[in-house]
Structure formats: structure tokens, C-alpha cells
Amino acid sequence: MKEPGKKMGDKPYKKLDIFFKRYHINTFVGKKIVEFTKNSIVFEDQSNIESDLTIYISGGDGHKVIKESGLPVNAAGFVSINELCRVEGHKNIYAIGDIAAIEGPKWASKQGHIAEVMADVSTYNVHNELNDKGKRKSYWEKLHIICVMDSGDGAAFIARTNHKETIIPLPIIGHWMKKGWGFYYKNSKLKKIPRIPGM
């Protein structure tokens, strides 16, 4: 990507360079990775970066099972759905989360909470379909980005919707808020503590 992080909005994107410089992080953008070796990352122009530890999380290609399922997929191999989370061309098949192709504004991005929104939308729509009710929900209406960038000694809260871009620096307290959120999210999902309504 030539402009990684741009989906978060122009304001947060412009602040990323300041963030990287403050923490002495060198960036290499706009070049495709073609190979990993034991101690380096090789780019398409044959330049490389030495690396003691490489962690690569692939998000650009759909799963082989989905590609071979016969379901309609987009160019990257993710299931094509409409705003109801219904698979294109199929009345009774819905897809959500990692396997689904996110449509909507160009800045739309796959995040864990969007999978939860899609789950809520699709179950609502399936329920109403089975009970012959006309109302339907669209996940497009609830698309947004929420990110807390933890720097270890603080954080920045970033949010984006169709109408607004927000970035709020949270020195010191932001790091502890992020840790607290991680504790709450994990333990509330495991039903060890109660969920806060609406979260």
C-alpha cells in the first residue's frame, strides 16, 4: 500500500508520521513483498530488510475452501454479499466476518466489531425472513472504524464514520484504558463478568 492507514481518515493519517518518528520506527511502504527468508523480507524491486523476527498477517486473499465453494466471490476471494449480509444470488445463505467481502465506502475496513454488527444484522434478517416480516437491517448503516493505537506510554483514540473523523491523543491514561478494554472484552465474552449494555 502506498498510504497504509489512510482508511482511518486524513487527520489520523497525517499524525502517523509524527507517531513513527517519536518512537524511531522506520517505515517501508508502497512495495509488494515477494519473499520471506530466514532473516529478511524481500520486496518486488529485490531490495530487502534484515529481520530478526517477522510476523506476517495475511488479509489479502480469501480461503481456499470459499474459493472452491461455488459461492460468488470478489477478486480477492471473499464471499460477495449485499447490505443485508445475504450472499449475492442466494436467498437463504448469509456470510459474515472474515469470509465476507466488505462493501460500502472506500474507507470501510474489517474489524472485529464489524463482524459482530454483521452477526446482529444477519440474524435479524434471517429471523424476519422465517417469520414473513418485511423489515430488514443493513450493516452499511453501522460501518465505522474504531482504533486505539497503544504506544506503551499512552495511546491515540481514532474513530471514523461517513460524517466524521476523530483523533484524540491520550497520553499515559490511553495505555491503561487499552489494557482495561482488553480485560473487559475477553472476560465479558467468556461470561466471567457482565457485559455493559450496548458494548
C-alpha atoms as a PDB file:
ATOM      1  CA  MET A   1       0.000   0.000   0.000  1.00  0.00           C
ATOM      2  CA  LYS A   2       1.255   3.460  -0.843  1.00  0.00           C
ATOM      3  CA  GLU A   3      -0.698   5.038   2.003  1.00  0.00           C
ATOM      4  CA  PRO A   4      -1.239   2.489   4.803  1.00  0.00           C
ATOM      5  CA  GLY A   5      -3.538   3.823   7.490  1.00  0.00           C
ATOM      6  CA  LYS A   6      -5.350   6.210   5.103  1.00  0.00           C
ATOM      7  CA  LYS A   7      -8.648   4.405   5.726  1.00  0.00           C
ATOM      8  CA  MET A   8      -8.660   5.860   9.236  1.00  0.00           C
ATOM      9  CA  GLY A   9      -9.034   9.333   7.684  1.00  0.00           C
ATOM     10  CA  ASP A  10      -6.828  12.251   6.655  1.00  0.00           C
ATOM     11  CA  LYS A  11      -6.311  13.604  10.186  1.00  0.00           C
ATOM     12  CA  PRO A  12      -5.065  10.334  11.736  1.00  0.00           C
ATOM     13  CA  TYR A  13      -3.032   9.503   8.610  1.00  0.00           C
ATOM     14  CA  LYS A  14      -1.099  12.788   8.834  1.00  0.00           C
ATOM     15  CA  LYS A  15      -0.333  12.103  12.510  1.00  0.00           C
ATOM     16  CA  LEU A  16       1.117   8.640  11.818  1.00  0.00           C
ATOM     17  CA  ASP A  17       4.471  10.047  10.657  1.00  0.00           C
ATOM     18  CA  ILE A  18       4.792  12.009  13.904  1.00  0.00           C
ATOM     19  CA  PHE A  19       3.973   8.837  15.858  1.00  0.00           C
ATOM     20  CA  PHE A  20       6.554   6.757  13.940  1.00  0.00           C
ATOM     21  CA  LYS A  21       9.288   9.391  14.276  1.00  0.00           C
ATOM     22  CA  ARG A  22       8.685   9.737  18.021  1.00  0.00           C
ATOM     23  CA  TYR A  23       9.226   6.014  18.539  1.00  0.00           C
ATOM     24  CA  HIS A  24      12.054   5.713  15.975  1.00  0.00           C
ATOM     25  CA  ILE A  25      10.053   3.411  13.700  1.00  0.00           C
ATOM     26  CA  ASN A  26      11.330   3.205  10.122  1.00  0.00           C
ATOM     27  CA  THR A  27       8.610   2.616   7.538  1.00  0.00           C
ATOM     28  CA  PHE A  28       8.798   0.928   4.133  1.00  0.00           C
ATOM     29  CA  VAL A  29       5.625   1.447   2.097  1.00  0.00           C
ATOM     30  CA  GLY A  30       4.428   1.088  -1.484  1.00  0.00           C
ATOM     31  CA  LYS A  31       6.428  -2.058  -2.296  1.00  0.00           C
ATOM     32  CA  LYS A  32       4.995  -5.548  -2.597  1.00  0.00           C
ATOM     33  CA  ILE A  33       6.571  -8.309  -0.517  1.00  0.00           C
ATOM     34  CA  VAL A  34       7.647 -11.235  -2.686  1.00  0.00           C
ATOM     35  CA  GLU A  35       9.530 -13.465  -0.257  1.00  0.00           C
ATOM     36  CA  PHE A  36      10.494 -14.109   3.350  1.00  0.00           C
ATOM     37  CA  THR A  37      13.916 -15.579   4.089  1.00  0.00           C
ATOM     38  CA  LYS A  38      15.274 -16.795   7.422  1.00  0.00           C
ATOM     39  CA  ASN A  39      16.487 -13.298   8.311  1.00  0.00           C
ATOM     40  CA  SER A  40      14.991 -10.849   5.814  1.00  0.00           C
ATOM     41  CA  ILE A  41      11.960  -9.580   3.911  1.00  0.00           C
ATOM     42  CA  VAL A  42      12.408  -9.265   0.130  1.00  0.00           C
ATOM     43  CA  PHE A  43      10.470  -6.736  -1.976  1.00  0.00           C
ATOM     44  CA  GLU A  44       9.486  -6.764  -5.653  1.00  0.00           C
ATOM     45  CA  ASP A  45      12.422  -4.488  -6.612  1.00  0.00           C
ATOM     46  CA  GLN A  46      14.753  -7.021  -4.911  1.00  0.00           C
ATOM     47  CA  SER A  47      15.547  -4.641  -2.047  1.00  0.00           C
ATOM     48  CA  ASN A  48      15.258  -6.198   1.396  1.00  0.00           C
ATOM     49  CA  ILE A  49      15.083  -5.510   5.120  1.00  0.00           C
ATOM     50  CA  GLU A  50      17.038  -7.547   7.630  1.00  0.00           C
ATOM     51  CA  SER A  51      14.727  -9.045  10.238  1.00  0.00           C
ATOM     52  CA  ASP A  52      15.342 -10.971  13.461  1.00  0.00           C
ATOM     53  CA  LEU A  53      11.625 -11.723  13.768  1.00  0.00           C
ATOM     54  CA  THR A  54       8.993 -11.448  11.015  1.00  0.00           C
ATOM     55  CA  ILE A  55       5.289 -11.629  11.800  1.00  0.00           C
ATOM     56  CA  TYR A  56       3.074 -11.541   8.716  1.00  0.00           C
ATOM     57  CA  ILE A  57      -0.706 -11.421   8.892  1.00  0.00           C
ATOM     58  CA  SER A  58      -2.275 -12.033   5.508  1.00  0.00           C
ATOM     59  CA  GLY A  59      -5.556 -10.279   4.874  1.00  0.00           C
ATOM     60  CA  GLY A  60      -5.496 -10.013   1.106  1.00  0.00           C
ATOM     61  CA  ASP A  61      -6.724 -13.404  -0.017  1.00  0.00           C
ATOM     62  CA  GLY A  62      -9.837 -15.476   0.668  1.00  0.00           C
ATOM     63  CA  HIS A  63      -9.718 -19.034   1.990  1.00  0.00           C
ATOM     64  CA  LYS A  64      -9.302 -21.898  -0.481  1.00  0.00           C
ATOM     65  CA  VAL A  65     -12.500 -23.586   0.779  1.00  0.00           C
ATOM     66  CA  ILE A  66     -14.522 -20.448  -0.037  1.00  0.00           C
ATOM     67  CA  LYS A  67     -12.913 -20.045  -3.459  1.00  0.00           C
ATOM     68  CA  GLU A  68     -13.852 -23.627  -4.321  1.00  0.00           C
ATOM     69  CA  SER A  69     -17.355 -23.492  -2.773  1.00  0.00           C
ATOM     70  CA  GLY A  70     -19.185 -22.270  -5.864  1.00  0.00           C
ATOM     71  CA  LEU A  71     -20.381 -19.184  -3.972  1.00  0.00           C
ATOM     72  CA  PRO A  72     -19.848 -15.822  -5.693  1.00  0.00           C
ATOM     73  CA  VAL A  73     -16.583 -14.208  -4.591  1.00  0.00           C
ATOM     74  CA  ASN A  74     -14.856 -10.907  -5.253  1.00  0.00           C
ATOM     75  CA  ALA A  75     -11.428 -10.568  -6.923  1.00  0.00           C
ATOM     76  CA  ALA A  76      -9.645 -11.310  -3.617  1.00  0.00           C
ATOM     77  CA  GLY A  77     -11.663 -14.486  -2.963  1.00  0.00           C
ATOM     78  CA  PHE A  78     -14.091 -13.246  -0.291  1.00  0.00           C
ATOM     79  CA  VAL A  79     -17.825 -14.069  -0.454  1.00  0.00           C
ATOM     80  CA  SER A  80     -19.846 -11.360  -2.236  1.00  0.00           C
ATOM     81  CA  ILE A  81     -22.735 -10.171  -0.056  1.00  0.00           C
ATOM     82  CA  ASN A  82     -25.292  -7.386  -0.199  1.00  0.00           C
ATOM     83  CA  GLU A  83     -26.059  -4.866   2.550  1.00  0.00           C
ATOM     84  CA  LEU A  84     -28.238  -7.455   4.348  1.00  0.00           C
ATOM     85  CA  CYS A  85     -25.237  -9.856   4.583  1.00  0.00           C
ATOM     86  CA  ARG A  86     -27.045 -12.142   2.128  1.00  0.00           C
ATOM     87  CA  VAL A  87     -24.804 -13.910  -0.394  1.00  0.00           C
ATOM     88  CA  GLU A  88     -25.369 -12.466  -3.862  1.00  0.00           C
ATOM     89  CA  GLY A  89     -27.778 -14.625  -5.872  1.00  0.00           C
ATOM     90  CA  HIS A  90     -28.788 -16.820  -2.898  1.00  0.00           C
ATOM     91  CA  LYS A  91     -31.948 -16.193  -0.891  1.00  0.00           C
ATOM     92  CA  ASN A  92     -31.080 -18.267   2.180  1.00  0.00           C
ATOM     93  CA  ILE A  93     -27.301 -18.006   2.526  1.00  0.00           C
ATOM     94  CA  TYR A  94     -25.663 -15.297   4.620  1.00  0.00           C
ATOM     95  CA  ALA A  95     -21.958 -14.607   5.185  1.00  0.00           C
ATOM     96  CA  ILE A  96     -20.307 -12.503   7.872  1.00  0.00           C
ATOM     97  CA  GLY A  97     -16.897 -11.675   9.301  1.00  0.00           C
ATOM     98  CA  ASP A  98     -13.595 -12.741   7.770  1.00  0.00           C
ATOM     99  CA  ILE A  99     -15.060 -14.679   4.837  1.00  0.00           C
ATOM    100  CA  ALA A 100     -17.308 -11.822   3.653  1.00  0.00           C
ATOM    101  CA  ALA A 101     -16.301  -9.077   1.231  1.00  0.00           C
ATOM    102  CA  ILE A 102     -16.941  -5.733   2.934  1.00  0.00           C
ATOM    103  CA  GLU A 103     -18.729  -3.313   0.629  1.00  0.00           C
ATOM    104  CA  GLY A 104     -19.558   0.320   1.227  1.00  0.00           C
ATOM    105  CA  PRO A 105     -17.359   3.424   1.421  1.00  0.00           C
ATOM    106  CA  LYS A 106     -13.715   3.108   0.282  1.00  0.00           C
ATOM    107  CA  TRP A 107     -12.507   3.527   3.857  1.00  0.00           C
ATOM    108  CA  ALA A 108     -14.552   0.539   5.128  1.00  0.00           C
ATOM    109  CA  SER A 109     -12.314  -1.924   6.917  1.00  0.00           C
ATOM    110  CA  LYS A 110     -12.635  -5.346   8.508  1.00  0.00           C
ATOM    111  CA  GLN A 111     -12.523  -5.063  12.275  1.00  0.00           C
ATOM    112  CA  GLY A 112     -13.788  -7.438  14.956  1.00  0.00           C
ATOM    113  CA  HIS A 113     -16.696  -5.231  15.955  1.00  0.00           C
ATOM    114  CA  ILE A 114     -17.910  -5.114  12.314  1.00  0.00           C
ATOM    115  CA  ALA A 115     -18.212  -8.920  12.391  1.00  0.00           C
ATOM    116  CA  GLU A 116     -20.442  -8.502  15.457  1.00  0.00           C
ATOM    117  CA  VAL A 117     -22.537  -5.887  13.637  1.00  0.00           C
ATOM    118  CA  MET A 118     -22.874  -8.288  10.674  1.00  0.00           C
ATOM    119  CA  ALA A 119     -23.902 -11.116  13.009  1.00  0.00           C
ATOM    120  CA  ASP A 120     -26.620  -8.939  14.538  1.00  0.00           C
ATOM    121  CA  VAL A 121     -27.854  -7.780  11.116  1.00  0.00           C
ATOM    122  CA  SER A 122     -27.889 -11.238   9.530  1.00  0.00           C
ATOM    123  CA  THR A 123     -29.687 -12.959  12.447  1.00  0.00           C
ATOM    124  CA  TYR A 124     -32.289 -10.172  12.490  1.00  0.00           C
ATOM    125  CA  ASN A 125     -32.818 -10.569   8.731  1.00  0.00           C
ATOM    126  CA  VAL A 126     -32.973 -14.394   8.872  1.00  0.00           C
ATOM    127  CA  HIS A 127     -35.474 -14.223  11.754  1.00  0.00           C
ATOM    128  CA  ASN A 128     -37.712 -11.804   9.854  1.00  0.00           C
ATOM    129  CA  GLU A 129     -37.412 -13.865   6.665  1.00  0.00           C
ATOM    130  CA  LEU A 130     -38.532 -17.016   8.515  1.00  0.00           C
ATOM    131  CA  ASN A 131     -41.429 -15.144  10.141  1.00  0.00           C
ATOM    132  CA  ASP A 132     -42.561 -13.326   6.976  1.00  0.00           C
ATOM    133  CA  LYS A 133     -41.801  -9.888   8.416  1.00  0.00           C
ATOM    134  CA  GLY A 134     -40.892  -7.174   5.939  1.00  0.00           C
ATOM    135  CA  LYS A 135     -38.296  -5.277   7.999  1.00  0.00           C
ATOM    136  CA  ARG A 136     -34.595  -5.737   7.235  1.00  0.00           C
ATOM    137  CA  LYS A 137     -31.356  -4.261   8.630  1.00  0.00           C
ATOM    138  CA  SER A 138     -28.280  -3.145   6.653  1.00  0.00           C
ATOM    139  CA  TYR A 139     -24.753  -3.434   8.005  1.00  0.00           C
ATOM    140  CA  TRP A 140     -23.789  -0.461   5.803  1.00  0.00           C
ATOM    141  CA  GLU A 141     -25.614   1.875   8.181  1.00  0.00           C
ATOM    142  CA  LYS A 142     -23.335   0.810  11.047  1.00  0.00           C
ATOM    143  CA  LEU A 143     -19.967   0.811   9.267  1.00  0.00           C
ATOM    144  CA  HIS A 144     -17.314   2.699  11.212  1.00  0.00           C
ATOM    145  CA  ILE A 145     -13.689   2.394  12.269  1.00  0.00           C
ATOM    146  CA  ILE A 146     -12.597   2.455  15.900  1.00  0.00           C
ATOM    147  CA  CYS A 147      -8.930   2.119  16.790  1.00  0.00           C
ATOM    148  CA  VAL A 148      -6.896   2.769  19.911  1.00  0.00           C
ATOM    149  CA  MET A 149      -3.213   2.913  18.950  1.00  0.00           C
ATOM    150  CA  ASP A 150      -1.311   1.919  22.080  1.00  0.00           C
ATOM    151  CA  SER A 151       2.252   3.216  22.273  1.00  0.00           C
ATOM    152  CA  GLY A 152       3.119   1.657  25.638  1.00  0.00           C
ATOM    153  CA  ASP A 153       3.275   5.061  27.352  1.00  0.00           C
ATOM    154  CA  GLY A 154      -0.050   6.381  26.077  1.00  0.00           C
ATOM    155  CA  ALA A 155      -2.427   5.950  23.148  1.00  0.00           C
ATOM    156  CA  ALA A 156      -4.458   7.723  20.491  1.00  0.00           C
ATOM    157  CA  PHE A 157      -8.180   7.127  20.037  1.00  0.00           C
ATOM    158  CA  ILE A 158      -9.235   7.149  16.373  1.00  0.00           C
ATOM    159  CA  ALA A 159     -12.792   6.921  15.047  1.00  0.00           C
ATOM    160  CA  ARG A 160     -14.261   7.321  11.575  1.00  0.00           C
ATOM    161  CA  THR A 161     -17.787   7.332  10.180  1.00  0.00           C
ATOM    162  CA  ASN A 162     -19.327   8.587   6.951  1.00  0.00           C
ATOM    163  CA  HIS A 163     -19.660  12.017   8.536  1.00  0.00           C
ATOM    164  CA  LYS A 164     -16.720  12.463  10.878  1.00  0.00           C
ATOM    165  CA  GLU A 165     -13.019  11.752  11.534  1.00  0.00           C
ATOM    166  CA  THR A 166     -11.779  11.933  15.125  1.00  0.00           C
ATOM    167  CA  ILE A 167      -8.346  11.582  16.691  1.00  0.00           C
ATOM    168  CA  ILE A 168      -7.832  12.181  20.413  1.00  0.00           C
ATOM    169  CA  PRO A 169      -4.369  11.870  21.996  1.00  0.00           C
ATOM    170  CA  LEU A 170      -4.499  10.030  25.329  1.00  0.00           C
ATOM    171  CA  PRO A 171      -1.080  10.353  26.984  1.00  0.00           C
ATOM    172  CA  ILE A 172      -0.408   7.856  29.808  1.00  0.00           C
ATOM    173  CA  ILE A 173      -4.065   7.015  30.536  1.00  0.00           C
ATOM    174  CA  GLY A 174      -4.649   5.712  26.989  1.00  0.00           C
ATOM    175  CA  HIS A 175      -2.313   2.751  27.526  1.00  0.00           C
ATOM    176  CA  TRP A 176      -4.176   1.726  30.680  1.00  0.00           C
ATOM    177  CA  MET A 177      -7.559   2.241  29.011  1.00  0.00           C
ATOM    178  CA  LYS A 178      -6.482  -0.120  26.220  1.00  0.00           C
ATOM    179  CA  LYS A 179      -5.341  -2.730  28.738  1.00  0.00           C
ATOM    180  CA  GLY A 180      -8.610  -2.315  30.643  1.00  0.00           C
ATOM    181  CA  TRP A 181     -10.648  -2.739  27.457  1.00  0.00           C
ATOM    182  CA  GLY A 182      -8.744  -5.947  26.630  1.00  0.00           C
ATOM    183  CA  PHE A 183      -9.537  -7.324  30.107  1.00  0.00           C
ATOM    184  CA  TYR A 184     -13.226  -6.345  29.837  1.00  0.00           C
ATOM    185  CA  TYR A 185     -13.660  -7.653  26.280  1.00  0.00           C
ATOM    186  CA  LYS A 186     -12.063 -11.044  26.952  1.00  0.00           C
ATOM    187  CA  ASN A 187     -13.755 -11.690  30.278  1.00  0.00           C
ATOM    188  CA  SER A 188     -17.196 -10.445  29.234  1.00  0.00           C
ATOM    189  CA  LYS A 189     -17.060 -12.678  26.140  1.00  0.00           C
ATOM    190  CA  LEU A 190     -16.144 -15.626  28.371  1.00  0.00           C
ATOM    191  CA  LYS A 191     -19.084 -14.603  30.633  1.00  0.00           C
ATOM    192  CA  LYS A 192     -16.802 -14.189  33.637  1.00  0.00           C
ATOM    193  CA  ILE A 193     -18.057 -10.630  34.085  1.00  0.00           C
ATOM    194  CA  PRO A 194     -21.301  -8.991  32.860  1.00  0.00           C
ATOM    195  CA  ARG A 195     -21.438  -7.138  29.534  1.00  0.00           C
ATOM    196  CA  ILE A 196     -22.152  -3.411  29.578  1.00  0.00           C
ATOM    197  CA  PRO A 197     -25.403  -2.881  27.601  1.00  0.00           C
ATOM    198  CA  GLY A 198     -24.655  -1.724  24.058  1.00  0.00           C
ATOM    199  CA  MET A 199     -20.957  -2.700  24.196  1.00  0.00           C
END
